Amino acid sequence: MAKQKVYCEPFCIQKGYDFEVHHVSYESNLGYSCFMHFHEVHELIVFEQIDGVYFYSQGQSELQDHDIVFTPSMETHDFELVDKAKSWFIIQFLPAFLTKEKLHNAAAFFQQGMHLRMPVEHFAAVMTQVKWLHQAYEQDPQSDKSNTLLKLLLLWISEHASSVTSTQAQGLNQTKGYERLLPIVELFKQQTAVELQLEQAADLCHLSPSYFSRLFKSVFRCNYSEYANRHKLYNAARMLSQSKLSITDIAFELNFSTPSHFIALFKKQFGVTPKKYKMQLETRLER
């Protein structure tokens, strides 16, 4: 069996940078792990190969090759992908970039989660721009060329892309179940580690533990304890990328029982140890 490969999203952008861009690919025999999550930056994904479902604020919709999805800062979203070859470019940028660069039309367009498609000729232009952007980012993320290419990409997509109609009547954020879970969702957005037991989380939402458990799993597609654990691990990845805290400090900051327990869980989730993840990140930033 092939070793599972899991891509850890950067979530937070390196201090002083306006954006990050990465190319991600999986062979058909490599697994993909994701969960309902959010981050403090805008996210744009341009798919080369894809087959699956995008869950977002407007509902859910079927993904196909050459689709684009946009998820704004702090909006909950998820992907459920078919086990076959897949690849995409992921661009995460600061919300302030749109204002700073005076991209008023683009800012008006990128207001909510969207599943987008565009005519073949315009998608080909987008792919060329994304590849240029990725190359410029690897050379110098803060160069005028990098900023200009990101501006061009956002303008091109906002002008030529159209939204795909959701296959679900209500968006995730508008469902009754999501609304009832809002107190615990807000806690996850505010805190890097949520240590409430299931009974306490249920009480916070004014629900019985059994109903809370069923409702949480129906909305987030994993149980509460699993989500709380993943939330801590994804925040650990964020802290590794942004802070100079040691692995031991991060383990205790996020209330893991021991550093070794944190390391084991991190490797199980992301396929690499925290130390290797940080080394890979530093190597990328030194290019």
Protein backbone atom coordinates (compact mmCIF):
# COMPACT_ATOMS: atom_id res chain seq x y z
CA MET A 1 0.00 0.00 0.00
CA ALA A 2 1.31 3.45 -0.91
CA LYS A 3 2.08 5.76 1.98
CA GLN A 4 -0.61 8.38 2.43
CA LYS A 5 0.41 11.87 1.40
CA VAL A 6 -1.39 14.74 3.08
CA TYR A 7 -0.90 18.34 2.06
CA CYS A 8 -0.87 20.79 4.95
CA GLU A 9 -2.33 24.14 3.92
CA PRO A 10 -0.23 27.11 5.06
CA PHE A 11 -3.28 28.83 6.68
CA CYS A 12 -1.27 31.90 7.68
CA ILE A 13 1.05 33.79 5.38
CA GLN A 14 4.65 34.44 6.29
CA LYS A 15 4.98 37.76 8.11
CA GLY A 16 5.64 40.60 5.67
CA TYR A 17 4.23 38.69 2.69
CA ASP A 18 0.94 39.39 0.92
CA PHE A 19 0.34 35.88 -0.39
CA GLU A 20 1.56 32.31 -0.83
CA VAL A 21 1.16 30.03 -3.83
CA HIS A 22 1.81 26.29 -4.06
CA HIS A 23 1.36 23.55 -6.61
CA VAL A 24 -0.18 20.35 -5.23
CA SER A 25 -0.54 16.97 -6.94
CA TYR A 26 -1.56 13.45 -5.94
CA GLU A 27 -1.23 10.22 -7.88
CA SER A 28 -4.24 7.93 -8.00
CA ASN A 29 -2.85 5.65 -5.29
CA LEU A 30 -2.18 8.45 -2.82
CA GLY A 31 -4.79 9.39 -0.25
CA TYR A 32 -6.03 12.88 0.50
CA SER A 33 -7.12 14.10 3.92
CA CYS A 34 -9.16 17.21 4.61
CA PHE A 35 -11.76 18.32 7.12
CA MET A 36 -14.19 21.16 7.62
CA HIS A 37 -11.93 24.11 8.40
CA PHE A 38 -11.33 27.84 8.01
CA HIS A 39 -8.35 30.18 7.97
CA GLU A 40 -7.56 33.86 8.37
CA VAL A 41 -6.71 34.47 4.71
CA HIS A 42 -8.57 34.39 1.40
CA GLU A 43 -8.04 31.19 -0.58
CA LEU A 44 -8.20 30.64 -4.33
CA ILE A 45 -7.73 27.15 -5.81
CA VAL A 46 -7.27 26.59 -9.54
CA PHE A 47 -7.80 22.93 -10.37
CA GLU A 48 -5.99 21.14 -13.17
CA GLN A 49 -7.40 17.66 -12.42
CA ILE A 50 -10.18 17.15 -9.90
CA ASP A 51 -13.21 14.99 -9.15
CA GLY A 52 -15.20 15.49 -5.98
CA VAL A 53 -17.42 17.85 -4.00
CA TYR A 54 -16.83 21.34 -2.60
CA PHE A 55 -18.72 22.18 0.62
CA TYR A 56 -19.00 25.92 1.26
CA SER A 57 -21.24 28.77 2.42
CA GLN A 58 -23.50 28.57 -0.64
CA GLY A 59 -24.05 24.82 -0.38
CA GLN A 60 -22.18 22.07 -2.18
CA SER A 61 -21.33 21.40 -5.81
CA GLU A 62 -19.57 18.84 -7.99
CA LEU A 63 -16.00 19.66 -8.99
CA GLN A 64 -14.54 18.94 -12.40
CA ASP A 65 -11.27 19.58 -14.23
CA HIS A 66 -10.46 23.28 -14.77
CA ASP A 67 -12.78 24.52 -12.04
CA ILE A 68 -11.85 27.31 -9.61
CA VAL A 69 -13.01 27.79 -6.02
CA PHE A 70 -12.72 30.84 -3.81
CA THR A 71 -13.17 30.80 -0.03
CA PRO A 72 -12.97 34.06 1.92
CA SER A 73 -11.25 34.53 5.26
CA MET A 74 -12.85 32.73 8.24
CA GLU A 75 -15.47 30.93 6.12
CA THR A 76 -15.91 27.23 6.90
CA HIS A 77 -15.32 24.89 3.96
CA ASP A 78 -14.28 21.38 3.00
CA PHE A 79 -13.55 19.06 0.08
CA GLU A 80 -14.45 15.42 -0.49
CA LEU A 81 -12.36 14.12 -3.38
CA VAL A 82 -12.45 10.93 -5.43
CA ASP A 83 -9.44 8.62 -5.06
CA LYS A 84 -7.81 9.32 -8.42
CA ALA A 85 -5.04 11.56 -9.77
CA LYS A 86 -5.62 15.21 -8.88
CA SER A 87 -3.68 18.47 -8.98
CA TRP A 88 -4.16 22.16 -8.36
CA PHE A 89 -2.56 25.51 -7.58
CA ILE A 90 -3.53 27.01 -4.22
CA ILE A 91 -3.15 30.76 -3.69
CA GLN A 92 -3.76 32.24 -0.25
CA PHE A 93 -3.65 36.02 0.08
CA LEU A 94 -4.33 38.65 2.71
CA PRO A 95 -7.82 40.21 2.52
CA ALA A 96 -6.11 43.61 2.78
CA PHE A 97 -4.35 42.97 -0.54
CA LEU A 98 -7.53 43.86 -2.44
CA THR A 99 -7.80 47.22 -0.67
CA LYS A 100 -4.09 48.02 -0.71
CA GLU A 101 -3.87 47.43 -4.46
CA LYS A 102 -7.15 49.33 -5.09
CA LEU A 103 -8.78 46.31 -6.75
CA HIS A 104 -12.30 47.63 -6.19
CA ASN A 105 -14.05 45.50 -8.83
CA ALA A 106 -12.27 42.35 -7.70
CA ALA A 107 -13.05 43.14 -4.05
CA ALA A 108 -16.74 43.41 -4.92
CA PHE A 109 -16.56 40.05 -6.71
CA PHE A 110 -14.69 38.13 -3.99
CA GLN A 111 -17.26 38.60 -1.22
CA GLN A 112 -18.33 35.03 -0.46
CA GLY A 113 -17.45 31.42 -1.14
CA MET A 114 -17.79 30.61 -4.84
CA HIS A 115 -17.41 27.65 -7.15
CA LEU A 116 -16.39 29.13 -10.51
CA ARG A 117 -16.03 28.13 -14.15
CA MET A 118 -14.97 30.04 -17.24
CA PRO A 119 -14.69 29.56 -21.02
CA VAL A 120 -11.81 27.37 -22.20
CA GLU A 121 -9.78 30.24 -23.63
CA HIS A 122 -9.98 32.25 -20.42
CA PHE A 123 -9.08 29.26 -18.25
CA ALA A 124 -6.02 28.70 -20.45
CA ALA A 125 -5.02 32.32 -19.80
CA VAL A 126 -5.57 31.80 -16.06
CA MET A 127 -3.34 28.72 -16.04
CA THR A 128 -0.58 30.67 -17.78
CA GLN A 129 -0.91 33.48 -15.23
CA VAL A 130 -0.90 31.06 -12.28
CA LYS A 131 2.27 29.37 -13.52
CA TRP A 132 3.95 32.76 -13.98
CA LEU A 133 2.81 33.74 -10.49
CA HIS A 134 4.17 30.52 -8.98
CA GLN A 135 7.52 31.05 -10.69
CA ALA A 136 7.71 34.68 -9.59
CA TYR A 137 6.76 33.72 -6.03
CA GLU A 138 9.57 31.18 -5.82
CA GLN A 139 12.03 33.79 -7.08
CA ASP A 140 10.83 36.63 -4.84
CA PRO A 141 7.41 36.65 -3.10
CA GLN A 142 7.65 40.39 -2.41
CA SER A 143 8.68 41.58 -5.85
CA ASP A 144 6.65 44.00 -7.97
CA LYS A 145 6.35 41.23 -10.54
CA SER A 146 4.75 38.86 -8.00
CA ASN A 147 2.26 41.49 -6.84
CA THR A 148 1.40 42.52 -10.40
CA LEU A 149 0.79 38.92 -11.46
CA LEU A 150 -1.48 38.29 -8.49
CA LYS A 151 -3.44 41.46 -9.31
CA LEU A 152 -3.80 40.37 -12.93
CA LEU A 153 -5.01 36.91 -11.89
CA LEU A 154 -7.65 38.27 -9.51
CA LEU A 155 -8.87 40.78 -12.09
CA TRP A 156 -9.03 38.15 -14.85
CA ILE A 157 -11.02 35.70 -12.73
CA SER A 158 -13.42 38.38 -11.45
CA GLU A 159 -14.10 39.53 -15.02
CA HIS A 160 -14.45 36.19 -16.80
CA ALA A 161 -15.59 33.55 -14.26
CA SER A 162 -19.19 32.59 -13.49
CA SER A 163 -20.59 30.85 -10.41
CA VAL A 164 -21.64 27.21 -10.56
CA THR A 165 -25.10 26.58 -9.14
CA SER A 166 -25.04 24.70 -5.85
CA THR A 167 -26.63 21.23 -5.81
CA GLN A 168 -27.83 21.87 -2.25
CA ALA A 169 -30.69 24.25 -1.53
CA GLN A 170 -29.07 25.77 1.56
CA GLY A 171 -25.49 26.72 2.15
CA LEU A 172 -23.64 25.20 5.07
CA ASN A 173 -23.77 28.40 7.11
CA GLN A 174 -27.53 28.69 6.62
CA THR A 175 -28.54 25.18 7.72
CA LYS A 176 -30.45 24.78 10.95
CA GLY A 177 -27.87 22.29 12.23
CA TYR A 178 -24.99 24.66 11.63
CA GLU A 179 -26.81 27.48 13.38
CA ARG A 180 -27.38 25.33 16.46
CA LEU A 181 -23.67 24.49 16.55
CA LEU A 182 -22.63 28.13 16.15
CA PRO A 183 -21.47 28.61 19.78
CA ILE A 184 -18.86 25.84 19.44
CA VAL A 185 -17.95 26.90 15.88
CA GLU A 186 -17.22 30.42 17.13
CA LEU A 187 -15.06 28.96 19.89
CA PHE A 188 -13.01 27.06 17.32
CA LYS A 189 -12.56 30.29 15.36
CA GLN A 190 -11.39 32.18 18.44
CA GLN A 191 -9.13 29.61 20.11
CA THR A 192 -6.20 27.56 18.85
CA ALA A 193 -7.12 24.69 21.18
CA VAL A 194 -10.64 23.89 22.37
CA GLU A 195 -10.44 21.63 25.41
CA LEU A 196 -14.15 21.21 26.13
CA GLN A 197 -15.34 17.64 26.55
CA LEU A 198 -18.27 16.56 24.39
CA GLU A 199 -20.74 17.08 27.26
CA GLN A 200 -19.42 20.61 27.85
CA ALA A 201 -19.56 21.46 24.14
CA ALA A 202 -23.13 20.14 23.97
CA ASP A 203 -24.08 22.23 27.00
CA LEU A 204 -22.58 25.33 25.37
CA CYS A 205 -24.94 24.74 22.42
CA HIS A 206 -27.88 23.95 24.73
CA LEU A 207 -28.16 20.44 23.29
CA SER A 208 -28.09 16.96 24.76
CA PRO A 209 -24.73 15.17 24.31
CA SER A 210 -26.23 12.49 22.07
CA TYR A 211 -28.04 14.97 19.81
CA PHE A 212 -25.01 17.29 19.71
CA SER A 213 -22.81 14.36 18.71
CA ARG A 214 -25.12 13.29 15.86
CA LEU A 215 -25.63 16.86 14.67
CA PHE A 216 -21.92 17.69 14.74
CA LYS A 217 -21.02 14.62 12.69
CA SER A 218 -23.79 15.29 10.15
CA VAL A 219 -22.50 18.84 9.56
CA PHE A 220 -18.72 18.37 9.84
CA ARG A 221 -18.52 14.76 8.61
CA CYS A 222 -16.34 13.67 11.55
CA ASN A 223 -17.00 13.34 15.26
CA TYR A 224 -16.44 16.18 17.71
CA SER A 225 -13.30 14.79 19.38
CA GLU A 226 -11.66 14.11 16.00
CA TYR A 227 -12.43 17.65 14.85
CA ALA A 228 -11.05 19.18 18.06
CA ASN A 229 -7.85 17.18 17.62
CA ARG A 230 -7.42 18.17 13.96
CA HIS A 231 -8.09 21.79 14.85
CA LYS A 232 -5.14 21.74 17.26
CA LEU A 233 -2.88 20.02 14.73
CA TYR A 234 -3.69 22.49 11.95
CA ASN A 235 -3.00 25.35 14.36
CA ALA A 236 0.28 23.66 15.27
CA ALA A 237 1.21 23.73 11.57
CA ARG A 238 0.28 27.41 11.51
CA MET A 239 2.48 28.13 14.53
CA LEU A 240 5.39 26.21 13.00
CA SER A 241 5.12 28.38 9.90
CA GLN A 242 4.69 31.73 11.65
CA SER A 243 6.41 31.66 15.02
CA LYS A 244 9.84 30.82 16.40
CA LEU A 245 8.38 28.67 19.15
CA SER A 246 10.04 25.30 19.66
CA ILE A 247 8.17 22.06 19.05
CA THR A 248 8.06 21.52 22.81
CA ASP A 249 6.62 25.01 23.39
CA ILE A 250 3.95 24.45 20.73
CA ALA A 251 3.03 21.08 22.24
CA PHE A 252 2.41 22.67 25.63
CA GLU A 253 0.84 25.83 24.18
CA LEU A 254 -1.82 23.65 22.53
CA ASN A 255 -2.27 21.42 25.60
CA PHE A 256 -0.94 18.16 24.18
CA SER A 257 -0.09 15.77 27.00
CA THR A 258 3.58 15.49 26.00
CA PRO A 259 5.79 16.68 23.12
CA SER A 260 6.20 13.08 21.95
CA HIS A 261 2.42 12.64 21.82
CA PHE A 262 2.14 15.85 19.77
CA ILE A 263 4.87 14.66 17.36
CA ALA A 264 3.16 11.30 16.86
CA LEU A 265 -0.25 12.87 16.18
CA PHE A 266 1.22 15.50 13.83
CA LYS A 267 3.02 12.84 11.78
CA LYS A 268 -0.11 10.72 11.59
CA GLN A 269 -2.12 13.70 10.31
CA PHE A 270 0.37 15.30 7.92
CA GLY A 271 2.77 12.49 7.01
CA VAL A 272 5.87 14.26 8.38
CA THR A 273 7.15 15.18 11.83
CA PRO A 274 6.83 18.80 13.02
CA LYS A 275 10.60 19.18 12.71
CA LYS A 276 10.63 17.99 9.10
CA TYR A 277 7.62 20.15 8.26
CA LYS A 278 9.40 23.23 9.64
CA MET A 279 12.63 22.34 7.79
CA GLN A 280 10.72 21.97 4.51
CA LEU A 281 9.05 25.33 5.09
CA GLU A 282 12.35 27.08 5.86
CA THR A 283 13.97 25.56 2.78
CA ARG A 284 11.13 26.86 0.62
CA LEU A 285 11.41 30.36 2.07
CA GLU A 286 15.16 30.46 1.53
CA ARG A 287 14.83 29.90 -2.24
